[in-house]
Amino acid sequence: MGIYVGSGGSSILIGTAAGLYTFGDMIVLSVASLVAGASATILLLPRTHDMSHPLSEAILSDRRAKWAEVSRTLRDDEMKVYQAVLDAGGLMNQGELVEKSRLSKATVSRALDLLESRGLVERRRRGMSNVILLK
């Protein structure tokens, strides 16, 4: 592409400008676009957590043995929440806990706060939700 100064028939060619993008530039842009698209897809897809390996059986059987002692100190809501996590193998998503306990989200959250303050459960953040595990 030429660069001209002047108008009409008295314009003078003062130089030429190369193309804006070379073939190599287009390859780099294409690869970068593919990498950015793949990264965005991985980040935006929901994560599924493998909960097929709950707490070890020794720990879980110990929690079940202590259940009679622990249950005497808990209120009804706390007992339902703790029992649901115990029945799930000691590891459960908080959303599933709301469904299984048939309690409201707020009630489950308050019960988890109290159970966590007593050192009976632990909440771990996983993406947009929490995973609850017995301690």
Protein backbone atom coordinates (compact mmCIF):
# COMPACT_ATOMS: atom_id res chain seq x y z
CA MET A 1 0.00 0.00 0.00
CA GLY A 2 1.42 3.39 -0.98
CA ILE A 3 1.54 6.59 1.09
CA TYR A 4 0.87 9.70 -0.99
CA VAL A 5 1.21 13.41 -0.17
CA GLY A 6 -0.75 15.96 -2.16
CA SER A 7 -4.01 15.88 -4.04
CA GLY A 8 -5.18 15.18 -7.53
CA GLY A 9 -2.51 14.89 -10.20
CA SER A 10 0.22 16.49 -8.08
CA SER A 11 0.37 13.80 -5.39
CA ILE A 12 3.77 12.31 -4.62
CA LEU A 13 4.48 8.78 -3.42
CA ILE A 14 6.64 9.12 -0.32
CA GLY A 15 6.73 5.50 0.83
CA THR A 16 4.97 2.21 1.14
CA ALA A 17 3.46 0.50 4.20
CA ALA A 18 3.65 -3.24 4.58
CA GLY A 19 0.56 -5.29 5.41
CA LEU A 20 -0.69 -4.92 8.98
CA TYR A 21 -0.43 -8.61 9.78
CA THR A 22 1.95 -11.22 8.42
CA PHE A 23 1.16 -14.90 8.08
CA GLY A 24 3.18 -15.58 11.25
CA ASP A 25 1.12 -12.98 13.14
CA MET A 26 -2.08 -14.74 12.08
CA ILE A 27 -0.78 -18.10 13.34
CA VAL A 28 0.15 -16.59 16.71
CA LEU A 29 -3.28 -14.93 17.01
CA SER A 30 -5.05 -18.17 16.09
CA VAL A 31 -3.12 -20.24 18.64
CA ALA A 32 -3.63 -17.60 21.33
CA SER A 33 -7.37 -17.57 20.61
CA LEU A 34 -7.57 -21.36 20.88
CA VAL A 35 -5.67 -21.37 24.19
CA ALA A 36 -7.84 -18.57 25.61
CA GLY A 37 -11.02 -20.40 24.54
CA ALA A 38 -9.88 -23.68 26.07
CA SER A 39 -8.88 -21.94 29.31
CA ALA A 40 -12.23 -20.15 29.56
CA THR A 41 -14.09 -23.41 28.93
CA ILE A 42 -12.18 -25.20 31.68
CA LEU A 43 -12.75 -22.34 34.14
CA LEU A 44 -16.46 -22.01 33.39
CA LEU A 45 -17.44 -25.68 33.38
CA PRO A 46 -18.88 -26.90 36.68
CA ARG A 47 -16.50 -29.01 38.68
CA THR A 48 -17.60 -32.39 39.90
CA HIS A 49 -15.80 -33.55 42.97
CA ASP A 50 -15.04 -37.20 43.32
CA MET A 51 -16.64 -38.11 46.62
CA SER A 52 -16.28 -41.83 46.06
CA HIS A 53 -13.51 -41.96 48.67
CA PRO A 54 -15.11 -40.67 51.83
CA LEU A 55 -13.34 -40.64 55.16
CA SER A 56 -11.50 -43.79 55.96
CA GLU A 57 -13.60 -46.52 57.52
CA ALA A 58 -11.64 -46.34 60.78
CA ILE A 59 -12.43 -42.65 61.23
CA LEU A 60 -16.03 -43.14 60.15
CA SER A 61 -16.61 -46.03 62.53
CA ASP A 62 -15.09 -43.94 65.33
CA ARG A 63 -17.56 -41.10 64.54
CA ARG A 64 -20.45 -43.58 64.54
CA ALA A 65 -19.33 -44.95 67.91
CA LYS A 66 -19.23 -41.41 69.34
CA TRP A 67 -22.63 -40.57 67.81
CA ALA A 68 -24.60 -41.50 70.96
CA GLU A 69 -22.41 -39.22 73.05
CA VAL A 70 -22.43 -36.39 70.52
CA SER A 71 -26.16 -36.57 69.79
CA ARG A 72 -27.05 -35.80 73.43
CA THR A 73 -25.38 -32.40 73.13
CA LEU A 74 -26.99 -31.38 69.81
CA ARG A 75 -30.27 -29.64 68.98
CA ASP A 76 -32.66 -31.23 66.45
CA ASP A 77 -31.38 -29.25 63.44
CA GLU A 78 -27.75 -29.91 64.32
CA MET A 79 -28.53 -33.59 64.83
CA LYS A 80 -30.21 -33.87 61.39
CA VAL A 81 -27.27 -32.16 59.69
CA TYR A 82 -24.61 -34.21 61.49
CA GLN A 83 -26.52 -37.47 60.87
CA ALA A 84 -26.88 -36.67 57.15
CA VAL A 85 -23.12 -36.10 56.79
CA LEU A 86 -22.41 -39.24 58.81
CA ASP A 87 -24.78 -41.30 56.62
CA ALA A 88 -23.09 -39.93 53.48
CA GLY A 89 -19.73 -41.34 54.55
CA GLY A 90 -18.44 -38.26 56.32
CA LEU A 91 -18.18 -36.06 53.22
CA MET A 92 -21.00 -34.15 51.56
CA ASN A 93 -21.70 -31.11 49.41
CA GLN A 94 -23.61 -28.41 51.31
CA GLY A 95 -26.28 -28.20 48.59
CA GLU A 96 -26.93 -31.93 48.87
CA LEU A 97 -27.06 -31.53 52.64
CA VAL A 98 -29.89 -29.00 52.30
CA GLU A 99 -31.83 -31.45 50.10
CA LYS A 100 -31.27 -34.53 52.28
CA SER A 101 -31.96 -32.83 55.60
CA ARG A 102 -35.06 -31.05 54.21
CA LEU A 103 -34.08 -27.94 56.14
CA SER A 104 -33.75 -24.44 54.73
CA LYS A 105 -30.37 -23.17 53.54
CA ALA A 106 -30.23 -20.71 56.43
CA THR A 107 -31.02 -23.40 59.01
CA VAL A 108 -28.37 -25.73 57.59
CA SER A 109 -25.84 -22.90 57.54
CA ARG A 110 -26.54 -22.00 61.19
CA ALA A 111 -26.36 -25.66 62.22
CA LEU A 112 -23.03 -26.01 60.39
CA ASP A 113 -21.72 -22.88 62.14
CA LEU A 114 -22.51 -24.43 65.51
CA LEU A 115 -21.15 -27.87 64.57
CA GLU A 116 -18.00 -26.26 63.20
CA SER A 117 -17.53 -24.19 66.38
CA ARG A 118 -17.72 -27.44 68.40
CA GLY A 119 -15.09 -29.03 66.17
CA LEU A 120 -17.42 -31.72 64.81
CA VAL A 121 -17.42 -30.75 61.12
CA GLU A 122 -15.32 -28.68 58.75
CA ARG A 123 -16.46 -26.64 55.73
CA ARG A 124 -14.11 -26.39 52.78
CA ARG A 125 -14.79 -24.03 49.91
CA ARG A 126 -15.01 -25.74 46.51
CA GLY A 127 -15.86 -23.35 43.71
CA MET A 128 -19.24 -21.78 44.43
CA SER A 129 -20.21 -24.19 47.21
CA ASN A 130 -18.87 -25.88 50.32
CA VAL A 131 -17.94 -29.46 51.01
CA ILE A 132 -18.71 -30.60 54.55
CA LEU A 133 -16.57 -33.23 56.23
CA LEU A 134 -16.57 -34.79 59.67
CA LYS A 135 -13.62 -34.03 61.89
